[in-house]
Amino acid sequence: MFAALVAIGAFIQIPVPYMDYFTLQFFFVLLAGLILGADKGAISVGCYVLLGLVGVPIFAAGGGIGYIFRPSFGYLVGFIVSAYVTGKVCEKLKASYKNYLLACLAGFVVTYAIGIVYKFIILNFYAHTPATLGVIFLSCFPLDMPGDFVLCLLAAGVGLRMRKSGFYLS
């Protein structure tokens, strides 16, 4: 179910004036970890990535094996690890908004760390477009990182509410 939600999240695009668009994909990645737990959350998001790589057009810009050469593919890899880390932190801590937010922020850091390093490698060594890690990091502002931070705040609240209502599948 969460593989489908992550796919749907890629197409829920919020237009931002003078900028690109913003999706809800990361929100569902976080919820996968919070609700399914580390292992099932990572497997679910991994299924989403695998489906996209075999050609199902479920990524924000399509699908297919060639997607691995896109500078943004590292964020998809980061999503898998993020769901795992978010779930693992959540499993270790008492259910509270603060702890769920901590779990989401851990997933946030992991996603951006993997995504930025991958983008650096693809740009510099595959596309031969020199870019420093600092420039790539700064390119995540002003939309991506602040927007994903807000999604962390929302996912922590939704995840906790679902857990307290008995909807917890781990």
N, C-alpha and C. Protein backbone atom coordinates (compact mmCIF):
# COMPACT_ATOMS: atom_id res chain seq x y z
N MET A 1 0.82 -1.18 0.00
CA MET A 1 0.00 0.00 0.00
C MET A 1 0.88 1.27 0.00
N PHE A 2 1.96 1.26 0.78
CA PHE A 2 2.78 2.46 0.85
C PHE A 2 3.58 2.69 -0.42
N ALA A 3 3.91 1.63 -1.15
CA ALA A 3 4.57 1.84 -2.44
C ALA A 3 3.64 2.65 -3.34
N ALA A 4 2.35 2.33 -3.31
CA ALA A 4 1.37 3.08 -4.10
C ALA A 4 1.23 4.52 -3.60
N LEU A 5 1.24 4.70 -2.28
CA LEU A 5 1.12 6.05 -1.73
C LEU A 5 2.33 6.91 -2.10
N VAL A 6 3.52 6.33 -2.07
CA VAL A 6 4.72 7.08 -2.47
C VAL A 6 4.61 7.46 -3.95
N ALA A 7 4.14 6.52 -4.77
CA ALA A 7 3.96 6.81 -6.20
C ALA A 7 2.94 7.94 -6.40
N ILE A 8 1.84 7.87 -5.70
CA ILE A 8 0.82 8.92 -5.80
C ILE A 8 1.41 10.26 -5.33
N GLY A 9 2.20 10.19 -4.25
CA GLY A 9 2.82 11.41 -3.72
C GLY A 9 3.73 12.10 -4.72
N ALA A 10 4.33 11.32 -5.63
CA ALA A 10 5.19 11.91 -6.66
C ALA A 10 4.40 12.78 -7.62
N PHE A 11 3.10 12.48 -7.74
CA PHE A 11 2.27 13.22 -8.69
C PHE A 11 1.37 14.25 -8.03
N ILE A 12 1.41 14.32 -6.71
CA ILE A 12 0.73 15.41 -6.01
C ILE A 12 1.73 16.55 -5.97
N GLN A 13 1.64 17.40 -6.96
CA GLN A 13 2.62 18.46 -7.13
C GLN A 13 2.01 19.80 -6.76
N ILE A 14 2.69 20.48 -5.87
CA ILE A 14 2.25 21.78 -5.42
C ILE A 14 3.08 22.83 -6.16
N PRO A 15 2.46 23.61 -7.04
CA PRO A 15 3.22 24.63 -7.76
C PRO A 15 3.65 25.75 -6.83
N VAL A 16 4.86 26.20 -7.01
CA VAL A 16 5.39 27.30 -6.21
C VAL A 16 5.80 28.41 -7.18
N PRO A 17 5.27 29.62 -7.00
CA PRO A 17 5.60 30.71 -7.92
C PRO A 17 7.10 30.95 -8.04
N TYR A 18 7.55 31.14 -9.25
CA TYR A 18 8.95 31.43 -9.59
C TYR A 18 9.89 30.28 -9.28
N MET A 19 9.34 29.12 -9.01
CA MET A 19 10.18 27.96 -8.72
C MET A 19 9.59 26.74 -9.41
N ASP A 20 10.20 25.63 -9.16
CA ASP A 20 9.73 24.35 -9.68
C ASP A 20 8.45 23.96 -8.96
N TYR A 21 8.26 22.72 -8.73
CA TYR A 21 7.11 22.24 -7.99
C TYR A 21 7.59 21.45 -6.78
N PHE A 22 6.69 21.19 -5.89
CA PHE A 22 6.99 20.46 -4.67
C PHE A 22 6.02 19.28 -4.58
N THR A 23 6.51 18.08 -4.24
CA THR A 23 5.63 16.91 -4.17
C THR A 23 5.48 16.42 -2.72
N LEU A 24 4.52 15.53 -2.54
CA LEU A 24 4.28 14.94 -1.21
C LEU A 24 4.91 13.56 -1.07
N GLN A 25 5.79 13.21 -1.97
CA GLN A 25 6.44 11.92 -1.97
C GLN A 25 7.15 11.63 -0.64
N PHE A 26 7.93 12.58 -0.17
CA PHE A 26 8.71 12.39 1.06
C PHE A 26 7.79 12.17 2.27
N PHE A 27 6.64 12.81 2.28
CA PHE A 27 5.66 12.63 3.35
C PHE A 27 5.28 11.16 3.49
N PHE A 28 5.01 10.50 2.36
CA PHE A 28 4.60 9.10 2.40
C PHE A 28 5.78 8.17 2.70
N VAL A 29 6.98 8.57 2.32
CA VAL A 29 8.18 7.80 2.70
C VAL A 29 8.31 7.79 4.22
N LEU A 30 8.15 8.96 4.84
CA LEU A 30 8.23 9.05 6.30
C LEU A 30 7.15 8.22 6.96
N LEU A 31 5.93 8.32 6.45
CA LEU A 31 4.83 7.54 7.03
C LEU A 31 5.07 6.04 6.89
N ALA A 32 5.70 5.62 5.80
CA ALA A 32 6.02 4.20 5.64
C ALA A 32 6.90 3.72 6.78
N GLY A 33 7.92 4.50 7.12
CA GLY A 33 8.79 4.13 8.24
C GLY A 33 8.07 4.20 9.57
N LEU A 34 7.29 5.25 9.78
CA LEU A 34 6.59 5.43 11.06
C LEU A 34 5.54 4.35 11.30
N ILE A 35 4.82 3.98 10.27
CA ILE A 35 3.68 3.07 10.44
C ILE A 35 4.06 1.61 10.21
N LEU A 36 4.88 1.35 9.21
CA LEU A 36 5.24 -0.03 8.91
C LEU A 36 6.45 -0.51 9.70
N GLY A 37 7.24 0.41 10.22
CA GLY A 37 8.47 0.04 10.89
C GLY A 37 9.63 0.04 9.91
N ALA A 38 10.82 -0.21 10.43
CA ALA A 38 12.04 -0.09 9.63
C ALA A 38 12.06 -1.04 8.43
N ASP A 39 11.93 -2.31 8.69
CA ASP A 39 12.07 -3.30 7.61
C ASP A 39 10.96 -3.20 6.57
N LYS A 40 9.72 -3.24 7.03
CA LYS A 40 8.60 -3.20 6.08
C LYS A 40 8.51 -1.85 5.37
N GLY A 41 8.86 -0.78 6.08
CA GLY A 41 8.86 0.54 5.45
C GLY A 41 9.87 0.62 4.33
N ALA A 42 11.09 0.13 4.59
CA ALA A 42 12.15 0.15 3.57
C ALA A 42 11.79 -0.76 2.40
N ILE A 43 11.23 -1.92 2.69
CA ILE A 43 10.83 -2.84 1.61
C ILE A 43 9.74 -2.20 0.75
N SER A 44 8.79 -1.56 1.38
CA SER A 44 7.71 -0.91 0.64
C SER A 44 8.25 0.18 -0.29
N VAL A 45 9.11 1.04 0.23
CA VAL A 45 9.68 2.10 -0.60
C VAL A 45 10.62 1.51 -1.64
N GLY A 46 11.34 0.45 -1.28
CA GLY A 46 12.19 -0.24 -2.24
C GLY A 46 11.39 -0.81 -3.40
N CYS A 47 10.20 -1.34 -3.12
CA CYS A 47 9.32 -1.84 -4.19
C CYS A 47 8.93 -0.72 -5.13
N TYR A 48 8.64 0.44 -4.57
CA TYR A 48 8.31 1.61 -5.39
C TYR A 48 9.47 1.94 -6.34
N VAL A 49 10.68 2.00 -5.80
CA VAL A 49 11.85 2.34 -6.62
C VAL A 49 12.08 1.26 -7.68
N LEU A 50 11.96 0.00 -7.30
CA LEU A 50 12.15 -1.10 -8.25
C LEU A 50 11.12 -1.04 -9.38
N LEU A 51 9.86 -0.78 -9.04
CA LEU A 51 8.83 -0.65 -10.08
C LEU A 51 9.17 0.47 -11.06
N GLY A 52 9.64 1.58 -10.54
CA GLY A 52 10.03 2.68 -11.41
C GLY A 52 11.20 2.33 -12.30
N LEU A 53 12.17 1.59 -11.76
CA LEU A 53 13.35 1.22 -12.53
C LEU A 53 13.04 0.22 -13.64
N VAL A 54 12.03 -0.63 -13.44
CA VAL A 54 11.69 -1.58 -14.50
C VAL A 54 10.80 -0.95 -15.57
N GLY A 55 10.50 0.33 -15.42
CA GLY A 55 9.82 1.04 -16.49
C GLY A 55 8.43 1.56 -16.19
N VAL A 56 7.86 1.22 -15.04
CA VAL A 56 6.56 1.77 -14.70
C VAL A 56 6.75 3.27 -14.44
N PRO A 57 6.04 4.14 -15.13
CA PRO A 57 6.29 5.59 -15.01
C PRO A 57 5.71 6.19 -13.73
N ILE A 58 6.29 5.80 -12.60
CA ILE A 58 5.77 6.25 -11.30
C ILE A 58 6.68 7.26 -10.61
N PHE A 59 7.82 7.55 -11.20
CA PHE A 59 8.67 8.60 -10.64
C PHE A 59 8.12 9.95 -11.10
N ALA A 60 8.53 11.00 -10.43
CA ALA A 60 8.03 12.34 -10.76
C ALA A 60 8.27 12.69 -12.23
N ALA A 61 9.34 12.14 -12.83
CA ALA A 61 9.64 12.42 -14.23
C ALA A 61 9.69 11.15 -15.07
N GLY A 62 8.83 10.18 -14.76
CA GLY A 62 8.75 8.97 -15.57
C GLY A 62 9.28 7.74 -14.86
N GLY A 63 10.06 6.94 -15.57
CA GLY A 63 10.61 5.71 -15.01
C GLY A 63 11.59 5.09 -15.99
N GLY A 64 12.10 3.92 -15.66
CA GLY A 64 13.05 3.21 -16.51
C GLY A 64 14.43 3.16 -15.88
N ILE A 65 15.22 2.20 -16.33
CA ILE A 65 16.55 1.97 -15.76
C ILE A 65 17.46 3.18 -15.96
N GLY A 66 17.23 3.95 -17.01
CA GLY A 66 18.04 5.14 -17.26
C GLY A 66 17.92 6.19 -16.16
N TYR A 67 16.91 6.04 -15.32
CA TYR A 67 16.70 6.99 -14.23
C TYR A 67 17.89 7.02 -13.27
N ILE A 68 18.67 5.92 -13.23
CA ILE A 68 19.82 5.89 -12.31
C ILE A 68 20.88 6.92 -12.69
N PHE A 69 20.82 7.43 -13.92
CA PHE A 69 21.79 8.43 -14.35
C PHE A 69 21.29 9.86 -14.15
N ARG A 70 20.11 10.01 -13.61
CA ARG A 70 19.59 11.34 -13.30
C ARG A 70 20.20 11.80 -11.98
N PRO A 71 20.62 13.04 -11.89
CA PRO A 71 21.20 13.52 -10.63
C PRO A 71 20.26 13.38 -9.43
N SER A 72 18.97 13.37 -9.67
CA SER A 72 18.01 13.28 -8.56
C SER A 72 17.75 11.85 -8.10
N PHE A 73 18.28 10.85 -8.79
CA PHE A 73 18.00 9.46 -8.40
C PHE A 73 18.50 9.13 -7.00
N GLY A 74 19.54 9.79 -6.56
CA GLY A 74 20.06 9.55 -5.22
C GLY A 74 19.03 9.79 -4.14
N TYR A 75 18.10 10.71 -4.39
CA TYR A 75 17.05 10.96 -3.40
C TYR A 75 16.11 9.76 -3.31
N LEU A 76 15.90 9.07 -4.42
CA LEU A 76 15.07 7.86 -4.39
C LEU A 76 15.76 6.76 -3.59
N VAL A 77 17.06 6.62 -3.78
CA VAL A 77 17.84 5.68 -2.96
C VAL A 77 17.75 6.11 -1.50
N GLY A 78 17.89 7.41 -1.27
CA GLY A 78 17.78 7.94 0.08
C GLY A 78 16.43 7.67 0.71
N PHE A 79 15.37 7.65 -0.10
CA PHE A 79 14.03 7.36 0.43
C PHE A 79 13.97 5.97 1.07
N ILE A 80 14.61 4.99 0.44
CA ILE A 80 14.60 3.63 0.99
C ILE A 80 15.27 3.62 2.36
N VAL A 81 16.46 4.20 2.42
CA VAL A 81 17.20 4.25 3.68
C VAL A 81 16.46 5.11 4.69
N SER A 82 15.84 6.18 4.23
CA SER A 82 15.08 7.07 5.11
C SER A 82 13.92 6.35 5.77
N ALA A 83 13.18 5.56 5.01
CA ALA A 83 12.06 4.80 5.60
C ALA A 83 12.59 3.85 6.67
N TYR A 84 13.74 3.22 6.39
CA TYR A 84 14.33 2.31 7.37
C TYR A 84 14.75 3.06 8.64
N VAL A 85 15.50 4.13 8.46
CA VAL A 85 16.01 4.89 9.61
C VAL A 85 14.85 5.49 10.42
N THR A 86 13.88 6.06 9.73
CA THR A 86 12.71 6.62 10.41
C THR A 86 12.02 5.55 11.24
N GLY A 87 11.81 4.40 10.64
CA GLY A 87 11.18 3.29 11.35
C GLY A 87 12.01 2.79 12.51
N LYS A 88 13.31 2.69 12.33
CA LYS A 88 14.20 2.18 13.38
C LYS A 88 14.22 3.12 14.57
N VAL A 89 14.34 4.42 14.33
CA VAL A 89 14.33 5.40 15.42
C VAL A 89 12.99 5.33 16.14
N CYS A 90 11.93 5.25 15.38
CA CYS A 90 10.58 5.19 15.95
C CYS A 90 10.40 3.94 16.82
N GLU A 91 10.96 2.82 16.38
CA GLU A 91 10.84 1.56 17.13
C GLU A 91 11.57 1.63 18.46
N LYS A 92 12.62 2.42 18.53
CA LYS A 92 13.45 2.48 19.74
C LYS A 92 12.92 3.45 20.79
N LEU A 93 12.05 4.37 20.38
CA LEU A 93 11.61 5.43 21.29
C LEU A 93 10.12 5.30 21.62
N LYS A 94 9.76 5.87 22.75
CA LYS A 94 8.35 5.90 23.16
C LYS A 94 7.56 6.75 22.16
N ALA A 95 6.32 6.35 21.91
CA ALA A 95 5.48 7.07 20.96
C ALA A 95 5.09 8.44 21.52
N SER A 96 5.67 9.49 20.93
CA SER A 96 5.32 10.86 21.27
C SER A 96 5.60 11.71 20.04
N TYR A 97 4.98 12.88 19.98
CA TYR A 97 5.21 13.75 18.83
C TYR A 97 6.69 14.10 18.70
N LYS A 98 7.32 14.41 19.81
CA LYS A 98 8.73 14.80 19.80
C LYS A 98 9.59 13.66 19.24
N ASN A 99 9.33 12.44 19.67
CA ASN A 99 10.12 11.31 19.21
C ASN A 99 9.83 10.97 17.75
N TYR A 100 8.58 11.09 17.34
CA TYR A 100 8.25 10.86 15.94
C TYR A 100 8.89 11.93 15.05
N LEU A 101 8.91 13.15 15.54
CA LEU A 101 9.57 14.21 14.79
C LEU A 101 11.07 13.94 14.70
N LEU A 102 11.67 13.47 15.78
CA LEU A 102 13.08 13.10 15.77
C LEU A 102 13.34 12.01 14.72
N ALA A 103 12.46 11.02 14.66
CA ALA A 103 12.58 9.95 13.68
C ALA A 103 12.49 10.51 12.26
N CYS A 104 11.53 11.41 12.04
CA CYS A 104 11.36 12.02 10.72
C CYS A 104 12.58 12.86 10.33
N LEU A 105 13.12 13.59 11.29
CA LEU A 105 14.29 14.42 11.01
C LEU A 105 15.51 13.55 10.71
N ALA A 106 15.61 12.39 11.35
CA ALA A 106 16.69 11.46 11.02
C ALA A 106 16.55 11.00 9.57
N GLY A 107 15.33 10.69 9.16
CA GLY A 107 15.07 10.31 7.78
C GLY A 107 15.37 11.45 6.81
N PHE A 108 15.07 12.66 7.21
CA PHE A 108 15.34 13.86 6.43
C PHE A 108 16.84 13.98 6.17
N VAL A 109 17.63 13.86 7.23
CA VAL A 109 19.09 13.99 7.11
C VAL A 109 19.64 12.90 6.19
N VAL A 110 19.18 11.67 6.37
CA VAL A 110 19.65 10.55 5.55
C VAL A 110 19.30 10.77 4.08
N THR A 111 18.07 11.18 3.82
CA THR A 111 17.64 11.41 2.43
C THR A 111 18.53 12.45 1.75
N TYR A 112 18.75 13.56 2.42
CA TYR A 112 19.55 14.62 1.80
C TYR A 112 21.02 14.25 1.73
N ALA A 113 21.54 13.55 2.71
CA ALA A 113 22.95 13.14 2.65
C ALA A 113 23.20 12.24 1.44
N ILE A 114 22.36 11.24 1.26
CA ILE A 114 22.51 10.33 0.12
C ILE A 114 22.23 11.06 -1.18
N GLY A 115 21.16 11.84 -1.22
CA GLY A 115 20.79 12.55 -2.44
C GLY A 115 21.84 13.53 -2.91
N ILE A 116 22.40 14.28 -1.98
CA ILE A 116 23.40 15.29 -2.33
C ILE A 116 24.70 14.64 -2.80
N VAL A 117 25.14 13.59 -2.11
CA VAL A 117 26.37 12.90 -2.53
C VAL A 117 26.18 12.24 -3.90
N TYR A 118 25.04 11.61 -4.12
CA TYR A 118 24.76 10.98 -5.41
C TYR A 118 24.74 12.03 -6.52
N LYS A 119 24.08 13.14 -6.27
CA LYS A 119 24.01 14.21 -7.26
C LYS A 119 25.41 14.73 -7.58
N PHE A 120 26.25 14.86 -6.57
CA PHE A 120 27.64 15.29 -6.76
C PHE A 120 28.38 14.32 -7.68
N ILE A 121 28.23 13.03 -7.41
CA ILE A 121 28.92 12.01 -8.21
C ILE A 121 28.43 12.03 -9.65
N ILE A 122 27.12 12.04 -9.85
CA ILE A 122 26.57 12.03 -11.22
C ILE A 122 26.98 13.29 -11.98
N LEU A 123 26.84 14.44 -11.35
CA LEU A 123 27.18 15.68 -12.04
C LEU A 123 28.66 15.75 -12.40
N ASN A 124 29.52 15.40 -11.46
CA ASN A 124 30.96 15.56 -11.67
C ASN A 124 31.59 14.45 -12.49
N PHE A 125 31.13 13.21 -12.34
CA PHE A 125 31.82 12.09 -12.97
C PHE A 125 31.06 11.47 -14.14
N TYR A 126 29.77 11.66 -14.22
CA TYR A 126 29.00 11.13 -15.34
C TYR A 126 28.64 12.24 -16.33
N ALA A 127 28.05 13.30 -15.84
CA ALA A 127 27.63 14.40 -16.71
C ALA A 127 28.75 15.39 -16.99
N HIS A 128 29.87 15.24 -16.29
CA HIS A 128 31.02 16.15 -16.44
C HIS A 128 30.59 17.61 -16.30
N THR A 129 29.75 17.85 -15.31
CA THR A 129 29.29 19.20 -14.98
C THR A 129 29.81 19.51 -13.58
N PRO A 130 30.94 20.19 -13.49
CA PRO A 130 31.53 20.43 -12.17
C PRO A 130 30.57 21.14 -11.22
N ALA A 131 30.46 20.59 -10.03
CA ALA A 131 29.64 21.19 -8.97
C ALA A 131 30.21 20.75 -7.63
N THR A 132 30.29 21.67 -6.71
CA THR A 132 30.79 21.32 -5.38
C THR A 132 29.63 20.83 -4.52
N LEU A 133 29.98 20.11 -3.45
CA LEU A 133 28.95 19.67 -2.51
C LEU A 133 28.21 20.87 -1.92
N GLY A 134 28.94 21.95 -1.68
CA GLY A 134 28.32 23.15 -1.12
C GLY A 134 27.28 23.76 -2.05
N VAL A 135 27.60 23.83 -3.32
CA VAL A 135 26.65 24.38 -4.30
C VAL A 135 25.42 23.48 -4.40
N ILE A 136 25.65 22.18 -4.41
CA ILE A 136 24.52 21.24 -4.48
C ILE A 136 23.65 21.37 -3.23
N PHE A 137 24.28 21.46 -2.08
CA PHE A 137 23.52 21.64 -0.83
C PHE A 137 22.68 22.91 -0.89
N LEU A 138 23.29 24.00 -1.32
CA LEU A 138 22.57 25.28 -1.40
C LEU A 138 21.45 25.25 -2.43
N SER A 139 21.58 24.38 -3.44
CA SER A 139 20.52 24.29 -4.45
C SER A 139 19.24 23.67 -3.87
N CYS A 140 19.36 23.06 -2.71
CA CYS A 140 18.19 22.46 -2.05
C CYS A 140 17.33 23.52 -1.37
N PHE A 141 17.83 24.74 -1.32
CA PHE A 141 17.07 25.86 -0.77
C PHE A 141 16.56 26.68 -1.93
N PRO A 142 15.57 27.47 -1.84
CA PRO A 142 14.75 27.70 -0.65
C PRO A 142 13.53 26.81 -0.57
N LEU A 143 13.35 25.88 -1.54
CA LEU A 143 12.11 25.11 -1.58
C LEU A 143 12.22 23.73 -0.95
N ASP A 144 13.13 22.93 -1.42
CA ASP A 144 13.14 21.51 -1.06
C ASP A 144 13.30 21.26 0.43
N MET A 145 14.38 21.71 1.00
CA MET A 145 14.63 21.42 2.42
C MET A 145 13.57 22.03 3.35
N PRO A 146 13.24 23.30 3.20
CA PRO A 146 12.19 23.83 4.08
C PRO A 146 10.86 23.11 3.90
N GLY A 147 10.52 22.80 2.66
CA GLY A 147 9.27 22.08 2.40
C GLY A 147 9.28 20.70 3.02
N ASP A 148 10.39 19.98 2.88
CA ASP A 148 10.49 18.65 3.46
C ASP A 148 10.53 18.71 4.99
N PHE A 149 11.07 19.78 5.54
CA PHE A 149 11.02 19.97 6.99
C PHE A 149 9.57 20.08 7.45
N VAL A 150 8.77 20.83 6.71
CA VAL A 150 7.34 20.95 7.04
C VAL A 150 6.67 19.58 6.93
N LEU A 151 7.06 18.80 5.92
CA LEU A 151 6.50 17.45 5.79
C LEU A 151 6.89 16.58 6.98
N CYS A 152 8.08 16.79 7.54
CA CYS A 152 8.48 16.07 8.76
C CYS A 152 7.53 16.41 9.91
N LEU A 153 7.23 17.69 10.06
CA LEU A 153 6.31 18.13 11.12
C LEU A 153 4.94 17.48 10.95
N LEU A 154 4.46 17.46 9.71
CA LEU A 154 3.14 16.87 9.44
C LEU A 154 3.14 15.35 9.60
N ALA A 155 4.17 14.69 9.07
CA ALA A 155 4.23 13.23 9.16
C ALA A 155 4.32 12.76 10.60
N ALA A 156 5.06 13.48 11.43
CA ALA A 156 5.15 13.10 12.85
C ALA A 156 3.77 13.14 13.50
N GLY A 157 3.00 14.17 13.21
CA GLY A 157 1.66 14.28 13.77
C GLY A 157 0.71 13.23 13.24
N VAL A 158 0.72 13.02 11.92
CA VAL A 158 -0.16 12.02 11.31
C VAL A 158 0.23 10.62 11.77
N GLY A 159 1.53 10.33 11.77
CA GLY A 159 1.99 9.01 12.20
C GLY A 159 1.61 8.70 13.63
N LEU A 160 1.77 9.68 14.51
CA LEU A 160 1.41 9.48 15.92
C LEU A 160 -0.09 9.28 16.07
N ARG A 161 -0.85 10.07 15.36
CA ARG A 161 -2.32 9.95 15.43
C ARG A 161 -2.77 8.57 14.93
N MET A 162 -2.16 8.10 13.86
CA MET A 162 -2.50 6.77 13.34
C MET A 162 -2.10 5.68 14.33
N ARG A 163 -0.97 5.85 14.95
CA ARG A 163 -0.52 4.87 15.95
C ARG A 163 -1.48 4.82 17.13
N LYS A 164 -1.87 5.99 17.62
CA LYS A 164 -2.78 6.05 18.77
C LYS A 164 -4.17 5.53 18.42
N SER A 165 -4.54 5.58 17.15
CA SER A 165 -5.85 5.07 16.74
C SER A 165 -5.81 3.57 16.49
N GLY A 166 -4.65 2.97 16.68
CA GLY A 166 -4.52 1.53 16.50
C GLY A 166 -4.05 1.11 15.13
N PHE A 167 -3.82 2.05 14.24
CA PHE A 167 -3.37 1.75 12.89
C PHE A 167 -1.85 1.75 12.89
N TYR A 168 -1.27 0.65 13.30
CA TYR A 168 0.18 0.52 13.37
C TYR A 168 0.51 -0.88 12.93
N LEU A 169 1.21 -1.04 11.84
CA LEU A 169 1.39 -2.34 11.22
C LEU A 169 2.73 -3.00 11.49
N SER A 170 3.55 -2.42 12.33
CA SER A 170 4.88 -2.99 12.55
C SER A 170 4.82 -4.22 13.44
